[in-house]
Amino acid sequence: MRKNKIYFGMLFLVLVSVTIWSAYEMLNVGRKGDPYAVSVIVNDSNNDRWLAMREGLEQAANGNNIDLNYVFSGKFTNVQEELELIKREVKNGADGLIVQMIADGANSKELEQMVGQTEIVLLESDTQPEGIYAWTGPDNIGLGKTLGEIILQDIGGEKIKKKIGIVCGNKKQLSVQQRLIGVEEALAETKADVLWSVSGDLEQMSKALSEKDLVRPVEVLIALGNDETELAVDYLLAKESEGIKRCLLYGIGCSEKAVYYLDQGRISSLVVPNEFNMGYLSIEQMARQLDSPLSEAKGQVINYLVVDRTNLYMEENQKILFPIVQ
């Protein structure tokens, strides 16, 4: 009899323990350990072109047990400056880094050495060789090609000859190289005449733009990035204030300034990468790598849209241009 009481007493304790453990697990569904620390490094971090991407980063981080650290940066003058920031964040114990490289530094030996110390996701650039880093960004060749095709459609197709200038940006960036390839492919079989292109940092491009356009004025200006689009619109506004007829401007961008001047008719069309999606997918990619460090580094392509004054205020376009975290 005594043995039976002991047996039932032990059984009761086991049942109580199982019940308590189950209740604890139910109450802690979705809770994990300490959050991962992920640093975000982009060129000119306070530029409002990053607002949409930041919203995407934050929304995804909330559901993936990630604490974000936005690393303050001005405009990088060279890739070494950026690498020093990256090294500092690794030294400070960052579990992961989300980085927009200002030049094709993705093949840098210094960056490769950090792969074993922290997880890395690159923005905008589909790196070479594939497989070393994960990346998230648009199909840059497709993006440039779309920009060229829009121009052809607006100016009357292949038979119309137009004088064109291109504001490239930093040609050391793989994304810029690819966008230029896309534009050139779209214009290759046409009578469009690309008279010149300018590249380098903003100061270099501003000076070169004034000099080249003065000697060989163009009818269409193409800008391959957000900063380049803003620079081009400032240049055209200055020309207009001097009574000089401005040319057509087509660009890539998503900042409030770029969208404002699109609305004002100063920019004919914008190709807008879905940067909210870029931020969101970057965090999801980072979370996978942090949870499974041996997982394959993959690239993720984001979509983009073409915006002009006729469709700027469509609801779907507004959601991408001005996303709000719910």
C-alpha atoms as a PDB file:
ATOM      1  CA  MET A   1       0.000   0.000   0.000  1.00  0.00           C
ATOM      2  CA  ARG A   2       2.812   2.323   0.943  1.00  0.00           C
ATOM      3  CA  LYS A   3       4.561   1.516  -2.332  1.00  0.00           C
ATOM      4  CA  ASN A   4       1.409   2.421  -4.262  1.00  0.00           C
ATOM      5  CA  LYS A   5       1.211   5.797  -2.506  1.00  0.00           C
ATOM      6  CA  ILE A   6       4.829   6.529  -3.354  1.00  0.00           C
ATOM      7  CA  TYR A   7       4.230   5.493  -6.958  1.00  0.00           C
ATOM      8  CA  PHE A   8       1.130   7.683  -7.343  1.00  0.00           C
ATOM      9  CA  GLY A   9       2.920  10.536  -5.562  1.00  0.00           C
ATOM     10  CA  MET A  10       5.809  10.400  -8.008  1.00  0.00           C
ATOM     11  CA  LEU A  11       3.411  10.143 -10.956  1.00  0.00           C
ATOM     12  CA  PHE A  12       1.564  13.214  -9.676  1.00  0.00           C
ATOM     13  CA  LEU A  13       4.831  15.177  -9.410  1.00  0.00           C
ATOM     14  CA  VAL A  14       5.799  14.188 -12.957  1.00  0.00           C
ATOM     15  CA  LEU A  15       2.388  15.294 -14.278  1.00  0.00           C
ATOM     16  CA  VAL A  16       2.627  18.611 -12.427  1.00  0.00           C
ATOM     17  CA  SER A  17       6.160  19.161 -13.801  1.00  0.00           C
ATOM     18  CA  VAL A  18       5.036  18.405 -17.357  1.00  0.00           C
ATOM     19  CA  THR A  19       2.056  20.760 -16.975  1.00  0.00           C
ATOM     20  CA  ILE A  20       4.240  23.585 -15.651  1.00  0.00           C
ATOM     21  CA  TRP A  21       6.836  23.055 -18.416  1.00  0.00           C
ATOM     22  CA  SER A  22       4.128  23.018 -21.114  1.00  0.00           C
ATOM     23  CA  ALA A  23       2.591  26.206 -19.754  1.00  0.00           C
ATOM     24  CA  TYR A  24       6.000  27.880 -19.712  1.00  0.00           C
ATOM     25  CA  GLU A  25       6.654  26.869 -23.296  1.00  0.00           C
ATOM     26  CA  MET A  26       3.259  28.188 -24.399  1.00  0.00           C
ATOM     27  CA  LEU A  27       3.868  31.502 -22.694  1.00  0.00           C
ATOM     28  CA  ASN A  28       7.263  31.790 -24.329  1.00  0.00           C
ATOM     29  CA  VAL A  29       6.337  30.855 -27.880  1.00  0.00           C
ATOM     30  CA  GLY A  30       8.280  33.128 -30.212  1.00  0.00           C
ATOM     31  CA  ARG A  31      10.677  34.259 -27.499  1.00  0.00           C
ATOM     32  CA  LYS A  32      14.322  33.595 -28.113  1.00  0.00           C
ATOM     33  CA  GLY A  33      17.576  34.349 -26.385  1.00  0.00           C
ATOM     34  CA  ASP A  34      19.421  37.642 -26.515  1.00  0.00           C
ATOM     35  CA  PRO A  35      18.790  39.527 -29.765  1.00  0.00           C
ATOM     36  CA  TYR A  36      21.425  39.539 -32.472  1.00  0.00           C
ATOM     37  CA  ALA A  37      23.324  42.809 -32.931  1.00  0.00           C
ATOM     38  CA  VAL A  38      23.373  43.838 -36.607  1.00  0.00           C
ATOM     39  CA  SER A  39      25.113  47.000 -37.845  1.00  0.00           C
ATOM     40  CA  VAL A  40      24.009  48.822 -41.001  1.00  0.00           C
ATOM     41  CA  ILE A  41      26.680  50.719 -42.974  1.00  0.00           C
ATOM     42  CA  VAL A  42      25.693  52.777 -46.019  1.00  0.00           C
ATOM     43  CA  ASN A  43      27.204  55.774 -47.770  1.00  0.00           C
ATOM     44  CA  ASP A  44      25.902  59.111 -46.450  1.00  0.00           C
ATOM     45  CA  SER A  45      23.716  57.447 -43.826  1.00  0.00           C
ATOM     46  CA  ASN A  46      21.557  60.522 -43.089  1.00  0.00           C
ATOM     47  CA  ASN A  47      20.470  60.944 -46.707  1.00  0.00           C
ATOM     48  CA  ASP A  48      16.684  60.635 -46.990  1.00  0.00           C
ATOM     49  CA  ARG A  49      17.081  58.199 -49.893  1.00  0.00           C
ATOM     50  CA  TRP A  50      17.532  55.517 -47.208  1.00  0.00           C
ATOM     51  CA  LEU A  51      14.198  56.213 -45.475  1.00  0.00           C
ATOM     52  CA  ALA A  52      12.236  53.534 -47.303  1.00  0.00           C
ATOM     53  CA  MET A  53      14.973  50.942 -46.813  1.00  0.00           C
ATOM     54  CA  ARG A  54      15.211  51.805 -43.124  1.00  0.00           C
ATOM     55  CA  GLU A  55      11.490  51.205 -42.695  1.00  0.00           C
ATOM     56  CA  GLY A  56      11.924  47.768 -44.268  1.00  0.00           C
ATOM     57  CA  LEU A  57      14.905  46.971 -42.040  1.00  0.00           C
ATOM     58  CA  GLU A  58      13.035  47.928 -38.881  1.00  0.00           C
ATOM     59  CA  GLN A  59       9.861  46.085 -39.740  1.00  0.00           C
ATOM     60  CA  ALA A  60      11.745  42.854 -40.449  1.00  0.00           C
ATOM     61  CA  ALA A  61      14.066  43.258 -37.439  1.00  0.00           C
ATOM     62  CA  ASN A  62      11.073  43.391 -35.087  1.00  0.00           C
ATOM     63  CA  GLY A  63      10.083  39.869 -36.096  1.00  0.00           C
ATOM     64  CA  ASN A  64      13.550  38.332 -36.279  1.00  0.00           C
ATOM     65  CA  ASN A  65      15.063  39.001 -32.846  1.00  0.00           C
ATOM     66  CA  ILE A  66      17.520  41.561 -34.237  1.00  0.00           C
ATOM     67  CA  ASP A  67      18.740  44.835 -32.734  1.00  0.00           C
ATOM     68  CA  LEU A  68      19.775  47.292 -35.435  1.00  0.00           C
ATOM     69  CA  ASN A  69      22.648  49.723 -35.119  1.00  0.00           C
ATOM     70  CA  TYR A  70      22.752  52.403 -37.816  1.00  0.00           C
ATOM     71  CA  VAL A  71      26.374  53.437 -38.153  1.00  0.00           C
ATOM     72  CA  PHE A  72      26.681  57.163 -38.790  1.00  0.00           C
ATOM     73  CA  SER A  73      28.666  58.021 -41.898  1.00  0.00           C
ATOM     74  CA  GLY A  74      29.147  61.018 -44.135  1.00  0.00           C
ATOM     75  CA  LYS A  75      30.016  60.574 -47.784  1.00  0.00           C
ATOM     76  CA  PHE A  76      32.865  58.082 -48.055  1.00  0.00           C
ATOM     77  CA  THR A  77      35.754  59.378 -50.144  1.00  0.00           C
ATOM     78  CA  ASN A  78      37.282  55.936 -50.678  1.00  0.00           C
ATOM     79  CA  VAL A  79      36.613  52.280 -49.951  1.00  0.00           C
ATOM     80  CA  GLN A  80      39.281  52.160 -47.245  1.00  0.00           C
ATOM     81  CA  GLU A  81      37.241  54.585 -45.114  1.00  0.00           C
ATOM     82  CA  GLU A  82      34.304  52.224 -45.316  1.00  0.00           C
ATOM     83  CA  LEU A  83      36.432  49.162 -44.560  1.00  0.00           C
ATOM     84  CA  GLU A  84      37.714  50.843 -41.397  1.00  0.00           C
ATOM     85  CA  LEU A  85      34.119  51.327 -40.218  1.00  0.00           C
ATOM     86  CA  ILE A  86      33.359  47.701 -41.017  1.00  0.00           C
ATOM     87  CA  LYS A  87      36.415  46.542 -39.047  1.00  0.00           C
ATOM     88  CA  ARG A  88      35.381  48.674 -36.090  1.00  0.00           C
ATOM     89  CA  GLU A  89      31.915  47.132 -35.983  1.00  0.00           C
ATOM     90  CA  VAL A  90      33.390  43.611 -36.178  1.00  0.00           C
ATOM     91  CA  LYS A  91      35.793  44.464 -33.356  1.00  0.00           C
ATOM     92  CA  ASN A  92      32.888  45.807 -31.279  1.00  0.00           C
ATOM     93  CA  GLY A  93      31.166  42.436 -31.537  1.00  0.00           C
ATOM     94  CA  ALA A  94      28.530  42.886 -34.251  1.00  0.00           C
ATOM     95  CA  ASP A  95      26.879  39.550 -35.044  1.00  0.00           C
ATOM     96  CA  GLY A  96      26.119  40.727 -38.569  1.00  0.00           C
ATOM     97  CA  LEU A  97      26.708  43.564 -41.015  1.00  0.00           C
ATOM     98  CA  ILE A  98      24.431  44.929 -43.741  1.00  0.00           C
ATOM     99  CA  VAL A  99      26.674  46.978 -46.033  1.00  0.00           C
ATOM    100  CA  GLN A 100      26.412  49.092 -49.160  1.00  0.00           C
ATOM    101  CA  MET A 101      29.926  49.097 -50.619  1.00  0.00           C
ATOM    102  CA  ILE A 102      30.825  52.406 -52.289  1.00  0.00           C
ATOM    103  CA  ALA A 103      33.164  50.646 -54.705  1.00  0.00           C
ATOM    104  CA  ASP A 104      33.624  47.134 -55.945  1.00  0.00           C
ATOM    105  CA  GLY A 105      35.288  46.294 -52.634  1.00  0.00           C
ATOM    106  CA  ALA A 106      33.312  43.087 -52.300  1.00  0.00           C
ATOM    107  CA  ASN A 107      36.338  41.249 -53.655  1.00  0.00           C
ATOM    108  CA  SER A 108      38.641  42.962 -51.181  1.00  0.00           C
ATOM    109  CA  LYS A 109      40.798  40.539 -49.209  1.00  0.00           C
ATOM    110  CA  GLU A 110      40.164  42.616 -46.091  1.00  0.00           C
ATOM    111  CA  LEU A 111      36.429  42.107 -46.434  1.00  0.00           C
ATOM    112  CA  GLU A 112      36.831  38.411 -47.199  1.00  0.00           C
ATOM    113  CA  GLN A 113      38.791  37.970 -43.970  1.00  0.00           C
ATOM    114  CA  MET A 114      35.803  39.256 -42.012  1.00  0.00           C
ATOM    115  CA  VAL A 115      33.404  36.665 -43.419  1.00  0.00           C
ATOM    116  CA  GLY A 116      34.525  34.136 -40.816  1.00  0.00           C
ATOM    117  CA  GLN A 117      34.122  36.654 -37.993  1.00  0.00           C
ATOM    118  CA  THR A 118      30.647  37.967 -38.716  1.00  0.00           C
ATOM    119  CA  GLU A 119      27.749  37.493 -41.137  1.00  0.00           C
ATOM    120  CA  ILE A 120      27.615  39.926 -44.077  1.00  0.00           C
ATOM    121  CA  VAL A 121      24.787  40.934 -46.410  1.00  0.00           C
ATOM    122  CA  LEU A 122      25.613  43.406 -49.189  1.00  0.00           C
ATOM    123  CA  LEU A 123      23.176  45.928 -50.657  1.00  0.00           C
ATOM    124  CA  GLU A 124      22.641  46.796 -54.354  1.00  0.00           C
ATOM    125  CA  SER A 125      25.670  44.954 -55.728  1.00  0.00           C
ATOM    126  CA  ASP A 126      25.486  41.363 -56.957  1.00  0.00           C
ATOM    127  CA  THR A 127      28.973  40.373 -55.957  1.00  0.00           C
ATOM    128  CA  GLN A 128      31.534  38.401 -57.855  1.00  0.00           C
ATOM    129  CA  PRO A 129      32.421  35.641 -57.266  1.00  0.00           C
ATOM    130  CA  GLU A 130      28.924  34.514 -56.298  1.00  0.00           C
ATOM    131  CA  GLY A 131      28.576  32.553 -53.084  1.00  0.00           C
ATOM    132  CA  ILE A 132      31.001  34.418 -50.815  1.00  0.00           C
ATOM    133  CA  TYR A 133      28.492  37.033 -49.683  1.00  0.00           C
ATOM    134  CA  ALA A 134      24.740  37.228 -49.554  1.00  0.00           C
ATOM    135  CA  TRP A 135      23.320  40.279 -51.327  1.00  0.00           C
ATOM    136  CA  THR A 136      20.009  42.046 -51.839  1.00  0.00           C
ATOM    137  CA  GLY A 137      19.340  44.526 -54.615  1.00  0.00           C
ATOM    138  CA  PRO A 138      17.765  45.214 -57.999  1.00  0.00           C
ATOM    139  CA  ASP A 139      18.740  43.639 -61.297  1.00  0.00           C
ATOM    140  CA  ASN A 140      20.988  46.561 -62.175  1.00  0.00           C
ATOM    141  CA  ILE A 141      21.359  45.693 -65.857  1.00  0.00           C
ATOM    142  CA  GLY A 142      17.568  45.341 -66.130  1.00  0.00           C
ATOM    143  CA  LEU A 143      17.101  48.602 -64.276  1.00  0.00           C
ATOM    144  CA  GLY A 144      19.392  50.481 -66.677  1.00  0.00           C
ATOM    145  CA  LYS A 145      17.778  48.832 -69.668  1.00  0.00           C
ATOM    146  CA  THR A 146      14.317  49.858 -68.458  1.00  0.00           C
ATOM    147  CA  LEU A 147      15.512  53.441 -68.119  1.00  0.00           C
ATOM    148  CA  GLY A 148      16.791  53.419 -71.699  1.00  0.00           C
ATOM    149  CA  GLU A 149      13.568  51.903 -73.021  1.00  0.00           C
ATOM    150  CA  ILE A 150      11.450  54.575 -71.290  1.00  0.00           C
ATOM    151  CA  ILE A 151      13.504  57.279 -72.981  1.00  0.00           C
ATOM    152  CA  LEU A 152      13.073  55.684 -76.398  1.00  0.00           C
ATOM    153  CA  GLN A 153       9.347  55.406 -75.856  1.00  0.00           C
ATOM    154  CA  ASP A 154       9.051  59.067 -74.836  1.00  0.00           C
ATOM    155  CA  ILE A 155      11.226  60.557 -77.572  1.00  0.00           C
ATOM    156  CA  GLY A 156       9.636  58.620 -80.401  1.00  0.00           C
ATOM    157  CA  GLY A 157      11.461  55.339 -80.677  1.00  0.00           C
ATOM    158  CA  GLU A 158      14.470  54.156 -82.619  1.00  0.00           C
ATOM    159  CA  LYS A 159      14.190  56.504 -85.586  1.00  0.00           C
ATOM    160  CA  ILE A 160      14.478  59.760 -83.666  1.00  0.00           C
ATOM    161  CA  LYS A 161      18.022  61.004 -83.153  1.00  0.00           C
ATOM    162  CA  LYS A 162      18.644  62.663 -79.794  1.00  0.00           C
ATOM    163  CA  LYS A 163      21.826  63.924 -78.199  1.00  0.00           C
ATOM    164  CA  ILE A 164      22.297  62.273 -74.816  1.00  0.00           C
ATOM    165  CA  GLY A 165      24.535  62.768 -71.770  1.00  0.00           C
ATOM    166  CA  ILE A 166      24.879  60.339 -68.864  1.00  0.00           C
ATOM    167  CA  VAL A 167      25.584  61.135 -65.205  1.00  0.00           C
ATOM    168  CA  CYS A 168      27.004  57.803 -64.087  1.00  0.00           C
ATOM    169  CA  GLY A 169      28.235  58.106 -60.505  1.00  0.00           C
ATOM    170  CA  ASN A 170      31.106  56.048 -59.170  1.00  0.00           C
ATOM    171  CA  LYS A 171      32.145  53.647 -61.921  1.00  0.00           C
ATOM    172  CA  LYS A 172      34.084  51.598 -59.367  1.00  0.00           C
ATOM    173  CA  GLN A 173      30.729  50.345 -58.080  1.00  0.00           C
ATOM    174  CA  LEU A 174      29.594  47.153 -59.743  1.00  0.00           C
ATOM    175  CA  SER A 175      25.969  48.317 -59.621  1.00  0.00           C
ATOM    176  CA  VAL A 176      26.850  51.479 -61.589  1.00  0.00           C
ATOM    177  CA  GLN A 177      28.813  49.500 -64.176  1.00  0.00           C
ATOM    178  CA  GLN A 178      25.826  47.215 -64.679  1.00  0.00           C
ATOM    179  CA  ARG A 179      23.299  50.053 -64.939  1.00  0.00           C
ATOM    180  CA  LEU A 180      25.427  51.690 -67.610  1.00  0.00           C
ATOM    181  CA  ILE A 181      25.579  48.396 -69.528  1.00  0.00           C
ATOM    182  CA  GLY A 182      21.769  48.207 -69.397  1.00  0.00           C
ATOM    183  CA  VAL A 183      21.288  51.750 -70.725  1.00  0.00           C
ATOM    184  CA  GLU A 184      23.816  51.190 -73.502  1.00  0.00           C
ATOM    185  CA  GLU A 185      22.095  47.931 -74.513  1.00  0.00           C
ATOM    186  CA  ALA A 186      18.746  49.700 -74.791  1.00  0.00           C
ATOM    187  CA  LEU A 187      20.194  52.496 -76.937  1.00  0.00           C
ATOM    188  CA  ALA A 188      22.578  50.351 -79.008  1.00  0.00           C
ATOM    189  CA  GLU A 189      20.301  49.744 -82.005  1.00  0.00           C
ATOM    190  CA  THR A 190      18.914  53.278 -82.170  1.00  0.00           C
ATOM    191  CA  LYS A 191      19.968  56.611 -83.596  1.00  0.00           C
ATOM    192  CA  ALA A 192      20.404  58.033 -80.118  1.00  0.00           C
ATOM    193  CA  ASP A 193      23.803  59.674 -79.853  1.00  0.00           C
ATOM    194  CA  VAL A 194      25.514  59.470 -76.447  1.00  0.00           C
ATOM    195  CA  LEU A 195      27.836  62.483 -76.646  1.00  0.00           C
ATOM    196  CA  TRP A 196      29.458  62.110 -73.230  1.00  0.00           C
ATOM    197  CA  SER A 197      29.226  60.720 -69.724  1.00  0.00           C
ATOM    198  CA  VAL A 198      30.513  62.013 -66.387  1.00  0.00           C
ATOM    199  CA  SER A 199      31.612  59.940 -63.396  1.00  0.00           C
ATOM    200  CA  GLY A 200      33.386  60.229 -60.043  1.00  0.00           C
ATOM    201  CA  ASP A 201      32.250  61.872 -56.831  1.00  0.00           C
ATOM    202  CA  LEU A 202      29.559  64.560 -56.797  1.00  0.00           C
ATOM    203  CA  GLU A 203      32.012  67.456 -56.958  1.00  0.00           C
ATOM    204  CA  GLN A 204      33.854  65.934 -59.908  1.00  0.00           C
ATOM    205  CA  MET A 205      30.625  65.188 -61.756  1.00  0.00           C
ATOM    206  CA  SER A 206      29.187  68.656 -61.132  1.00  0.00           C
ATOM    207  CA  LYS A 207      32.237  70.314 -62.638  1.00  0.00           C
ATOM    208  CA  ALA A 208      32.455  67.888 -65.575  1.00  0.00           C
ATOM    209  CA  LEU A 209      28.723  68.194 -66.277  1.00  0.00           C
ATOM    210  CA  SER A 210      28.938  71.980 -66.641  1.00  0.00           C
ATOM    211  CA  GLU A 211      32.026  71.791 -68.836  1.00  0.00           C
ATOM    212  CA  LYS A 212      30.822  69.033 -71.171  1.00  0.00           C
ATOM    213  CA  ASP A 213      27.280  70.336 -71.581  1.00  0.00           C
ATOM    214  CA  LEU A 214      28.608  73.795 -72.386  1.00  0.00           C
ATOM    215  CA  VAL A 215      30.754  72.481 -75.239  1.00  0.00           C
ATOM    216  CA  ARG A 216      28.406  69.712 -76.424  1.00  0.00           C
ATOM    217  CA  PRO A 217      24.878  70.437 -75.167  1.00  0.00           C
ATOM    218  CA  VAL A 218      22.478  67.505 -74.963  1.00  0.00           C
ATOM    219  CA  GLU A 219      18.721  67.103 -75.305  1.00  0.00           C
ATOM    220  CA  VAL A 220      18.362  64.216 -72.852  1.00  0.00           C
ATOM    221  CA  LEU A 221      20.178  63.671 -69.571  1.00  0.00           C
ATOM    222  CA  ILE A 222      20.273  60.221 -67.914  1.00  0.00           C
ATOM    223  CA  ALA A 223      21.181  59.805 -64.230  1.00  0.00           C
ATOM    224  CA  LEU A 224      22.069  56.336 -62.918  1.00  0.00           C
ATOM    225  CA  GLY A 225      21.479  56.811 -59.189  1.00  0.00           C
ATOM    226  CA  ASN A 226      19.638  58.905 -56.626  1.00  0.00           C
ATOM    227  CA  ASP A 227      22.498  61.326 -55.890  1.00  0.00           C
ATOM    228  CA  GLU A 228      23.178  61.639 -59.597  1.00  0.00           C
ATOM    229  CA  THR A 229      19.516  62.436 -60.300  1.00  0.00           C
ATOM    230  CA  GLU A 230      19.505  65.136 -57.613  1.00  0.00           C
ATOM    231  CA  LEU A 231      22.746  66.607 -58.987  1.00  0.00           C
ATOM    232  CA  ALA A 232      21.317  66.646 -62.512  1.00  0.00           C
ATOM    233  CA  VAL A 233      18.095  68.367 -61.489  1.00  0.00           C
ATOM    234  CA  ASP A 234      20.049  71.031 -59.572  1.00  0.00           C
ATOM    235  CA  TYR A 235      22.170  71.638 -62.657  1.00  0.00           C
ATOM    236  CA  LEU A 236      19.124  71.982 -64.923  1.00  0.00           C
ATOM    237  CA  LEU A 237      17.382  74.334 -62.502  1.00  0.00           C
ATOM    238  CA  ALA A 238      20.482  76.542 -62.465  1.00  0.00           C
ATOM    239  CA  LYS A 239      20.499  76.581 -66.282  1.00  0.00           C
ATOM    240  CA  GLU A 240      16.833  77.491 -66.340  1.00  0.00           C
ATOM    241  CA  SER A 241      17.398  80.397 -63.945  1.00  0.00           C
ATOM    242  CA  GLU A 242      19.904  81.758 -66.478  1.00  0.00           C
ATOM    243  CA  GLY A 243      17.282  81.572 -69.223  1.00  0.00           C
ATOM    244  CA  ILE A 244      18.798  78.503 -70.884  1.00  0.00           C
ATOM    245  CA  LYS A 245      16.321  75.922 -72.136  1.00  0.00           C
ATOM    246  CA  ARG A 246      16.585  72.769 -70.039  1.00  0.00           C
ATOM    247  CA  CYS A 247      16.785  69.272 -71.492  1.00  0.00           C
ATOM    248  CA  LEU A 248      14.762  66.199 -70.529  1.00  0.00           C
ATOM    249  CA  LEU A 249      15.932  64.335 -67.423  1.00  0.00           C
ATOM    250  CA  TYR A 250      15.413  60.643 -66.712  1.00  0.00           C
ATOM    251  CA  GLY A 251      16.823  59.104 -63.554  1.00  0.00           C
ATOM    252  CA  ILE A 252      16.988  56.380 -60.953  1.00  0.00           C
ATOM    253  CA  GLY A 253      16.045  57.392 -57.442  1.00  0.00           C
ATOM    254  CA  CYS A 254      13.607  57.407 -54.560  1.00  0.00           C
ATOM    255  CA  SER A 255      14.416  60.395 -52.321  1.00  0.00           C
ATOM    256  CA  GLU A 256      11.817  63.002 -51.395  1.00  0.00           C
ATOM    257  CA  LYS A 257      13.726  65.553 -53.465  1.00  0.00           C
ATOM    258  CA  ALA A 258      13.701  63.361 -56.554  1.00  0.00           C
ATOM    259  CA  VAL A 259       9.991  62.614 -56.173  1.00  0.00           C
ATOM    260  CA  TYR A 260       9.208  66.312 -55.601  1.00  0.00           C
ATOM    261  CA  TYR A 261      10.900  67.361 -58.825  1.00  0.00           C
ATOM    262  CA  LEU A 262       9.213  64.528 -60.683  1.00  0.00           C
ATOM    263  CA  ASP A 263       5.892  65.922 -59.462  1.00  0.00           C
ATOM    264  CA  GLN A 264       6.980  69.395 -60.571  1.00  0.00           C
ATOM    265  CA  GLY A 265       7.767  68.126 -64.063  1.00  0.00           C
ATOM    266  CA  ARG A 266      11.503  68.769 -63.776  1.00  0.00           C
ATOM    267  CA  ILE A 267      12.171  65.021 -64.051  1.00  0.00           C
ATOM    268  CA  SER A 268      10.373  63.201 -66.857  1.00  0.00           C
ATOM    269  CA  SER A 269      10.445  59.706 -65.322  1.00  0.00           C
ATOM    270  CA  LEU A 270      12.032  57.921 -62.384  1.00  0.00           C
ATOM    271  CA  VAL A 271      12.909  54.262 -62.125  1.00  0.00           C
ATOM    272  CA  VAL A 272      12.450  53.480 -58.433  1.00  0.00           C
ATOM    273  CA  PRO A 273      14.009  50.398 -56.813  1.00  0.00           C
ATOM    274  CA  ASN A 274      11.792  48.972 -54.070  1.00  0.00           C
ATOM    275  CA  GLU A 275      14.152  49.866 -51.237  1.00  0.00           C
ATOM    276  CA  PHE A 276      11.644  48.995 -48.519  1.00  0.00           C
ATOM    277  CA  ASN A 277      11.744  45.472 -49.898  1.00  0.00           C
ATOM    278  CA  MET A 278      15.542  45.613 -50.057  1.00  0.00           C
ATOM    279  CA  GLY A 279      15.721  46.407 -46.345  1.00  0.00           C
ATOM    280  CA  TYR A 280      13.152  43.792 -45.385  1.00  0.00           C
ATOM    281  CA  LEU A 281      14.740  40.989 -47.411  1.00  0.00           C
ATOM    282  CA  SER A 282      18.216  41.908 -46.152  1.00  0.00           C
ATOM    283  CA  ILE A 283      17.109  41.308 -42.565  1.00  0.00           C
ATOM    284  CA  GLU A 284      15.436  38.024 -43.473  1.00  0.00           C
ATOM    285  CA  GLN A 285      18.625  36.931 -45.242  1.00  0.00           C
ATOM    286  CA  MET A 286      20.700  37.998 -42.244  1.00  0.00           C
ATOM    287  CA  ALA A 287      18.420  36.126 -39.826  1.00  0.00           C
ATOM    288  CA  ARG A 288      18.843  32.920 -41.861  1.00  0.00           C
ATOM    289  CA  GLN A 289      22.609  33.274 -41.815  1.00  0.00           C
ATOM    290  CA  LEU A 290      22.734  33.991 -38.089  1.00  0.00           C
ATOM    291  CA  ASP A 291      20.524  30.999 -37.300  1.00  0.00           C
ATOM    292  CA  SER A 292      22.373  28.724 -39.764  1.00  0.00           C
ATOM    293  CA  PRO A 293      25.941  30.044 -40.201  1.00  0.00           C
ATOM    294  CA  LEU A 294      26.836  27.312 -42.687  1.00  0.00           C
ATOM    295  CA  SER A 295      23.923  28.113 -45.002  1.00  0.00           C
ATOM    296  CA  GLU A 296      24.708  29.109 -48.589  1.00  0.00           C
ATOM    297  CA  ALA A 297      25.155  32.816 -49.284  1.00  0.00           C
ATOM    298  CA  LYS A 298      22.557  33.750 -51.900  1.00  0.00           C
ATOM    299  CA  GLY A 299      21.424  36.807 -53.802  1.00  0.00           C
ATOM    300  CA  GLN A 300      17.895  38.200 -53.701  1.00  0.00           C
ATOM    301  CA  VAL A 301      16.582  40.425 -56.477  1.00  0.00           C
ATOM    302  CA  ILE A 302      14.137  43.200 -55.573  1.00  0.00           C
ATOM    303  CA  ASN A 303      11.570  44.690 -57.902  1.00  0.00           C
ATOM    304  CA  TYR A 304      11.411  48.268 -59.179  1.00  0.00           C
ATOM    305  CA  LEU A 305       8.781  50.491 -60.714  1.00  0.00           C
ATOM    306  CA  VAL A 306       8.595  53.263 -63.277  1.00  0.00           C
ATOM    307  CA  VAL A 307       7.010  56.471 -62.005  1.00  0.00           C
ATOM    308  CA  ASP A 308       6.011  59.626 -63.864  1.00  0.00           C
ATOM    309  CA  ARG A 309       3.494  62.394 -63.220  1.00  0.00           C
ATOM    310  CA  THR A 310       0.602  60.285 -64.528  1.00  0.00           C
ATOM    311  CA  ASN A 311       0.975  57.463 -62.002  1.00  0.00           C
ATOM    312  CA  LEU A 312       2.845  59.084 -59.107  1.00  0.00           C
ATOM    313  CA  TYR A 313      -0.205  59.184 -56.849  1.00  0.00           C
ATOM    314  CA  MET A 314      -1.404  55.660 -57.508  1.00  0.00           C
ATOM    315  CA  GLU A 315      -1.810  53.881 -54.178  1.00  0.00           C
ATOM    316  CA  GLU A 316       0.616  51.059 -54.959  1.00  0.00           C
ATOM    317  CA  ASN A 317       3.332  53.498 -56.019  1.00  0.00           C
ATOM    318  CA  GLN A 318       2.811  55.624 -52.923  1.00  0.00           C
ATOM    319  CA  LYS A 319       3.234  52.545 -50.706  1.00  0.00           C
ATOM    320  CA  ILE A 320       6.650  51.872 -52.207  1.00  0.00           C
ATOM    321  CA  LEU A 321       7.780  55.498 -52.272  1.00  0.00           C
ATOM    322  CA  PHE A 322       6.583  56.346 -48.771  1.00  0.00           C
ATOM    323  CA  PRO A 323       6.194  53.148 -46.708  1.00  0.00           C
ATOM    324  CA  ILE A 324       4.994  53.446 -43.102  1.00  0.00           C
ATOM    325  CA  VAL A 325       5.687  50.834 -40.457  1.00  0.00           C
ATOM    326  CA  GLN A 326       2.385  49.710 -38.981  1.00  0.00           C
END
